[in-house]
Protein backbone atom coordinates (compact mmCIF):
# COMPACT_ATOMS: atom_id res chain seq x y z
CA MET A 1 92.91 112.93 87.55
CA PRO A 2 93.89 109.35 86.64
CA GLY A 3 92.88 106.79 89.27
CA GLY A 4 91.36 109.47 91.51
CA HIS A 5 94.67 111.29 92.03
CA LEU A 6 95.36 114.96 91.30
CA ASP A 7 98.12 116.03 88.89
CA VAL A 8 100.59 118.18 90.81
CA LEU A 9 103.83 120.03 90.20
CA ALA A 10 106.98 119.17 92.17
CA THR A 11 105.99 122.03 94.49
CA LEU A 12 102.78 120.10 95.31
CA GLN A 13 100.64 122.72 93.56
CA LEU A 14 97.83 121.64 91.25
CA LYS A 15 98.96 121.74 87.64
CA THR A 16 95.63 123.28 86.66
CA ASN A 17 95.54 125.85 89.49
CA PRO A 18 98.87 126.66 91.18
CA ARG A 19 97.04 128.58 93.93
CA VAL A 20 95.88 125.22 95.31
CA PHE A 21 98.29 122.90 97.15
CA VAL A 22 97.77 119.17 97.60
CA ALA A 23 99.09 116.65 100.15
CA GLY A 24 98.33 113.08 101.17
CA ASP A 25 96.69 110.21 99.31
CA VAL A 26 95.24 112.34 96.50
CA VAL A 27 98.66 113.47 95.23
CA GLY A 28 99.19 112.06 91.74
CA LEU A 29 102.85 111.15 92.10
CA PRO A 30 104.45 107.77 91.32
CA GLU A 31 104.82 106.69 94.95
CA GLN A 32 103.04 104.61 97.55
CA HIS A 33 100.14 106.45 99.11
CA THR A 34 100.88 106.03 102.79
CA LEU A 35 100.68 108.12 105.95
CA ILE A 36 104.45 108.60 105.97
CA LYS A 37 104.25 110.25 102.53
CA ALA A 38 101.59 112.67 103.75
CA THR A 39 103.86 113.69 106.61
CA ALA A 40 106.61 114.35 104.05
CA HIS A 41 104.23 116.44 101.90
CA ALA A 42 103.07 118.70 104.76
CA PRO A 43 106.32 120.65 105.40
CA ILE A 44 106.68 121.37 101.67
CA VAL A 45 103.11 122.64 101.39
CA VAL A 46 103.43 124.78 104.55
CA ALA A 47 106.74 126.31 103.45
CA ASN A 48 105.40 127.10 99.98
CA ILE A 49 102.20 128.68 101.26
CA ARG A 50 104.24 130.75 103.71
CA THR A 51 106.55 131.88 100.89
CA LEU A 52 103.59 132.96 98.77
CA VAL A 53 101.80 134.74 101.61
CA GLU A 54 104.91 136.64 102.65
CA ALA A 55 105.50 137.72 99.03
CA ASN A 56 101.85 138.67 98.39
CA GLY A 57 101.49 135.87 95.84
CA LYS A 58 104.62 136.80 93.85
CA PRO A 59 107.53 134.90 95.41
CA THR A 60 111.00 136.37 95.06
CA LYS A 61 112.57 133.03 95.96
CA ALA A 62 111.93 129.58 94.55
CA LEU A 63 109.28 127.38 96.09
CA LYS A 64 110.41 124.16 97.75
CA ARG A 65 110.19 121.02 95.65
CA TYR A 66 109.05 117.67 96.99
CA THR A 67 111.53 114.84 96.58
CA LYS A 68 110.11 111.36 96.92
CA ALA A 69 111.05 109.67 100.16
CA ILE A 70 112.10 106.03 100.26
CA ASP A 71 109.26 103.50 100.04
CA SER A 72 108.85 101.49 103.20
CA ILE A 73 106.29 99.55 105.21
CA LEU A 74 106.12 99.42 109.00
CA VAL A 75 104.24 96.49 110.53
CA THR A 76 103.49 96.16 114.22
CA ASN A 77 103.35 92.66 115.67
CA GLY A 78 101.90 93.23 119.11
CA ARG A 79 102.97 95.63 121.83
CA VAL A 80 106.75 95.19 121.59
CA ARG A 81 107.44 93.68 118.18
CA LEU A 82 107.98 95.62 115.01
CA SER A 83 109.02 94.86 111.44
CA PHE A 84 110.24 97.35 108.86
CA LEU A 85 110.47 96.59 105.13
CA ARG A 86 112.28 98.98 102.83
CA SER A 87 112.43 98.74 99.05
CA PRO A 88 113.99 98.53 96.46
CA GLN A 89 116.84 96.82 98.34
CA CYS A 90 114.36 94.73 100.35
CA VAL A 91 115.90 95.11 103.78
CA LEU A 92 113.82 93.44 106.48
CA ILE A 93 114.48 94.48 110.06
CA SER A 94 112.78 92.69 112.92
CA LEU A 95 113.06 94.46 116.26
CA THR A 96 111.91 91.45 118.28
CA ASP A 97 115.20 89.59 118.08
CA ALA A 98 117.47 92.36 116.71
CA ARG A 99 118.18 90.29 113.60
CA PHE A 100 118.86 91.97 110.27
CA ASP A 101 118.07 90.01 107.12
CA VAL A 102 119.22 91.47 103.80
CA ARG A 103 117.71 89.86 100.73
């Protein structure tokens, strides 16, 4: 548990106990720990738990694997303004003036 994060498999199961699934900020994956990542973890965890329950713990099909989503930051600037920063290409989109700056 380096840095307070839990070591998980690509299926978001704990490496030390595959009966336990993990999602959100505690997932020990090399990615930003943001709300958007947690929302990407949830469908994988739900599908895998459903697969295990339906198969009485012995799945006949492979569990879904989590693939890291793109890193991005969304910043609100008041009621109608919004900025979106995506890496590694560093694309900045400002929705106030519909201008696209690529750096």
